[in-house]
Amino acid sequence: MTEKDNTMEKELFEKFNDGKLRLPGNTKAFKDVAWSKHPTFEGVELKHIITSKETGGTFSYHLVRIAPNKSIKNHIHETQLETHEVIAGSGVCINDGAKLEYVPGVISIMPAKIRNLQL
């Protein structure tokens, strides 16, 4: 990837970061949510837009930044499904044993209790 491509992807990601979660009676601006380091995976940062605690353990939504040459290792979400939407960058996800190529525009769903890994 060229430096120009990298800069364009960062700009796209920051533009997405201006988004909002809208629910009946509540709007949460993404930019108002702080980035936090992932407790387990080095080089991974999260913005907790809506957590499983807020949805009774059924769903969560996070913005995720993965540094170059870093990954989210093998893990399982015991109670909630997880949705991935790739807006910049590329990689590979192993979802229930299937290898999925991640590029901008791809959306994938990880059901609860299924092993997944982002390379």
C-alpha atoms as a PDB file:
ATOM      1  CA  MET A   1       0.000   0.000   0.000  1.00  0.00           C
ATOM      2  CA  THR A   2       1.339   3.433  -0.885  1.00  0.00           C
ATOM      3  CA  GLU A   3       1.541   6.266   1.609  1.00  0.00           C
ATOM      4  CA  LYS A   4      -1.177   8.077  -0.377  1.00  0.00           C
ATOM      5  CA  ASP A   5      -3.502   5.030  -0.071  1.00  0.00           C
ATOM      6  CA  ASN A   6      -2.742   4.815   3.644  1.00  0.00           C
ATOM      7  CA  THR A   7      -3.563   8.517   4.116  1.00  0.00           C
ATOM      8  CA  MET A   8      -6.847   8.145   2.195  1.00  0.00           C
ATOM      9  CA  GLU A   9      -7.854   5.160   4.350  1.00  0.00           C
ATOM     10  CA  LYS A  10      -7.095   7.085   7.555  1.00  0.00           C
ATOM     11  CA  GLU A  11      -9.189  10.025   6.301  1.00  0.00           C
ATOM     12  CA  LEU A  12     -12.072   7.671   5.468  1.00  0.00           C
ATOM     13  CA  PHE A  13     -11.879   6.072   8.905  1.00  0.00           C
ATOM     14  CA  GLU A  14     -11.882   9.471  10.630  1.00  0.00           C
ATOM     15  CA  LYS A  15     -14.884  10.547   8.536  1.00  0.00           C
ATOM     16  CA  PHE A  16     -16.733   7.412   9.685  1.00  0.00           C
ATOM     17  CA  ASN A  17     -15.741   8.338  13.242  1.00  0.00           C
ATOM     18  CA  ASP A  18     -18.058  11.370  12.869  1.00  0.00           C
ATOM     19  CA  GLY A  19     -21.029   8.960  12.762  1.00  0.00           C
ATOM     20  CA  LYS A  20     -23.810   8.545  15.305  1.00  0.00           C
ATOM     21  CA  LEU A  21     -25.795   5.724  16.854  1.00  0.00           C
ATOM     22  CA  ARG A  22     -29.475   6.689  16.882  1.00  0.00           C
ATOM     23  CA  LEU A  23     -31.978   4.804  19.006  1.00  0.00           C
ATOM     24  CA  PRO A  24     -35.429   5.834  20.205  1.00  0.00           C
ATOM     25  CA  GLY A  25     -34.774   8.492  22.828  1.00  0.00           C
ATOM     26  CA  ASN A  26     -30.969   8.355  22.533  1.00  0.00           C
ATOM     27  CA  THR A  27     -28.246   9.485  20.147  1.00  0.00           C
ATOM     28  CA  LYS A  28     -24.578   8.714  20.769  1.00  0.00           C
ATOM     29  CA  ALA A  29     -21.935  10.504  18.690  1.00  0.00           C
ATOM     30  CA  PHE A  30     -18.969   8.259  17.919  1.00  0.00           C
ATOM     31  CA  LYS A  31     -16.529  11.151  18.404  1.00  0.00           C
ATOM     32  CA  ASP A  32     -17.737  11.520  22.019  1.00  0.00           C
ATOM     33  CA  VAL A  33     -16.677   7.957  22.863  1.00  0.00           C
ATOM     34  CA  ALA A  34     -13.026   7.580  23.880  1.00  0.00           C
ATOM     35  CA  TRP A  35     -10.728   5.010  22.299  1.00  0.00           C
ATOM     36  CA  SER A  36      -9.589   2.341  24.751  1.00  0.00           C
ATOM     37  CA  LYS A  37      -6.880  -0.268  24.415  1.00  0.00           C
ATOM     38  CA  HIS A  38      -8.146  -3.797  23.984  1.00  0.00           C
ATOM     39  CA  PRO A  39      -7.526  -5.629  27.275  1.00  0.00           C
ATOM     40  CA  THR A  40      -6.010  -8.676  25.541  1.00  0.00           C
ATOM     41  CA  PHE A  41      -4.838  -7.884  22.007  1.00  0.00           C
ATOM     42  CA  GLU A  42      -1.810  -5.615  21.535  1.00  0.00           C
ATOM     43  CA  GLY A  43      -2.206  -2.928  18.882  1.00  0.00           C
ATOM     44  CA  VAL A  44      -6.023  -3.072  18.974  1.00  0.00           C
ATOM     45  CA  GLU A  45      -8.169  -0.121  20.110  1.00  0.00           C
ATOM     46  CA  LEU A  46     -11.938   0.011  20.597  1.00  0.00           C
ATOM     47  CA  LYS A  47     -14.709   2.576  20.852  1.00  0.00           C
ATOM     48  CA  HIS A  48     -17.567   0.931  22.750  1.00  0.00           C
ATOM     49  CA  ILE A  49     -20.585   2.348  20.913  1.00  0.00           C
ATOM     50  CA  ILE A  50     -23.061  -0.095  22.494  1.00  0.00           C
ATOM     51  CA  THR A  51     -22.056  -2.935  24.790  1.00  0.00           C
ATOM     52  CA  SER A  52     -23.543  -6.340  25.532  1.00  0.00           C
ATOM     53  CA  LYS A  53     -24.361  -5.015  29.019  1.00  0.00           C
ATOM     54  CA  GLU A  54     -26.657  -2.446  27.389  1.00  0.00           C
ATOM     55  CA  THR A  55     -28.408  -5.079  25.230  1.00  0.00           C
ATOM     56  CA  GLY A  56     -28.929  -7.838  27.765  1.00  0.00           C
ATOM     57  CA  GLY A  57     -25.985  -9.786  26.367  1.00  0.00           C
ATOM     58  CA  THR A  58     -27.377 -10.107  22.841  1.00  0.00           C
ATOM     59  CA  PHE A  59     -25.441  -7.572  20.765  1.00  0.00           C
ATOM     60  CA  SER A  60     -22.505  -5.184  20.875  1.00  0.00           C
ATOM     61  CA  TYR A  61     -21.086  -2.649  18.430  1.00  0.00           C
ATOM     62  CA  HIS A  62     -17.596  -1.195  18.524  1.00  0.00           C
ATOM     63  CA  LEU A  63     -15.372   0.800  16.238  1.00  0.00           C
ATOM     64  CA  VAL A  64     -12.094  -1.087  16.046  1.00  0.00           C
ATOM     65  CA  ARG A  65      -8.648   0.056  14.934  1.00  0.00           C
ATOM     66  CA  ILE A  66      -6.023  -2.608  14.357  1.00  0.00           C
ATOM     67  CA  ALA A  67      -2.447  -1.377  13.947  1.00  0.00           C
ATOM     68  CA  PRO A  68      -0.451  -2.657  10.946  1.00  0.00           C
ATOM     69  CA  ASN A  69       0.912  -6.182  11.482  1.00  0.00           C
ATOM     70  CA  LYS A  70      -1.303  -6.713  14.570  1.00  0.00           C
ATOM     71  CA  SER A  71      -4.409  -8.879  14.881  1.00  0.00           C
ATOM     72  CA  ILE A  72      -7.325  -9.966  17.012  1.00  0.00           C
ATOM     73  CA  LYS A  73      -6.473 -13.502  17.993  1.00  0.00           C
ATOM     74  CA  ASN A  74      -8.720 -16.530  18.335  1.00  0.00           C
ATOM     75  CA  HIS A  75     -11.682 -15.771  20.620  1.00  0.00           C
ATOM     76  CA  ILE A  76     -15.371 -16.490  21.235  1.00  0.00           C
ATOM     77  CA  HIS A  77     -18.217 -14.175  22.213  1.00  0.00           C
ATOM     78  CA  GLU A  78     -20.256 -16.351  24.538  1.00  0.00           C
ATOM     79  CA  THR A  79     -23.549 -14.443  24.505  1.00  0.00           C
ATOM     80  CA  GLN A  80     -23.707 -11.817  21.769  1.00  0.00           C
ATOM     81  CA  LEU A  81     -23.364 -11.773  18.030  1.00  0.00           C
ATOM     82  CA  GLU A  82     -20.796  -9.427  16.539  1.00  0.00           C
ATOM     83  CA  THR A  83     -20.984  -7.560  13.243  1.00  0.00           C
ATOM     84  CA  HIS A  84     -17.880  -6.571  11.288  1.00  0.00           C
ATOM     85  CA  GLU A  85     -17.998  -3.843   8.669  1.00  0.00           C
ATOM     86  CA  VAL A  86     -14.694  -3.089   6.973  1.00  0.00           C
ATOM     87  CA  ILE A  87     -14.384   0.597   6.086  1.00  0.00           C
ATOM     88  CA  ALA A  88     -10.614   0.828   5.529  1.00  0.00           C
ATOM     89  CA  GLY A  89      -7.646  -1.489   5.303  1.00  0.00           C
ATOM     90  CA  SER A  90      -7.670  -5.185   4.584  1.00  0.00           C
ATOM     91  CA  GLY A  91      -7.135  -8.503   6.280  1.00  0.00           C
ATOM     92  CA  VAL A  92      -8.495 -11.972   6.791  1.00  0.00           C
ATOM     93  CA  CYS A  93     -11.077 -13.254   9.273  1.00  0.00           C
ATOM     94  CA  ILE A  94     -11.600 -16.879  10.221  1.00  0.00           C
ATOM     95  CA  ASN A  95     -15.312 -17.227  11.020  1.00  0.00           C
ATOM     96  CA  ASP A  96     -16.389 -20.695  12.179  1.00  0.00           C
ATOM     97  CA  GLY A  97     -13.464 -22.204  10.251  1.00  0.00           C
ATOM     98  CA  ALA A  98     -14.158 -20.329   6.996  1.00  0.00           C
ATOM     99  CA  LYS A  99     -11.489 -17.931   5.700  1.00  0.00           C
ATOM    100  CA  LEU A 100     -13.075 -14.582   4.718  1.00  0.00           C
ATOM    101  CA  GLU A 101     -11.164 -11.820   2.932  1.00  0.00           C
ATOM    102  CA  TYR A 102     -11.751  -8.445   4.563  1.00  0.00           C
ATOM    103  CA  VAL A 103     -11.627  -5.387   2.307  1.00  0.00           C
ATOM    104  CA  PRO A 104     -13.620  -2.132   2.407  1.00  0.00           C
ATOM    105  CA  GLY A 105     -17.326  -2.788   1.844  1.00  0.00           C
ATOM    106  CA  VAL A 106     -17.370  -6.278   3.399  1.00  0.00           C
ATOM    107  CA  ILE A 107     -19.793  -6.974   6.249  1.00  0.00           C
ATOM    108  CA  SER A 108     -19.690 -10.226   8.201  1.00  0.00           C
ATOM    109  CA  ILE A 109     -21.593 -11.571  11.209  1.00  0.00           C
ATOM    110  CA  MET A 110     -20.047 -13.713  13.950  1.00  0.00           C
ATOM    111  CA  PRO A 111     -22.758 -15.663  15.780  1.00  0.00           C
ATOM    112  CA  ALA A 112     -22.430 -16.219  19.524  1.00  0.00           C
ATOM    113  CA  LYS A 113     -20.337 -19.205  20.636  1.00  0.00           C
ATOM    114  CA  ILE A 114     -18.429 -19.366  17.307  1.00  0.00           C
ATOM    115  CA  ARG A 115     -14.624 -19.103  17.195  1.00  0.00           C
ATOM    116  CA  ASN A 116     -13.342 -16.173  15.156  1.00  0.00           C
ATOM    117  CA  LEU A 117      -9.954 -14.722  14.424  1.00  0.00           C
ATOM    118  CA  GLN A 118      -8.931 -11.605  12.508  1.00  0.00           C
ATOM    119  CA  LEU A 119      -5.521 -11.792  10.826  1.00  0.00           C
END
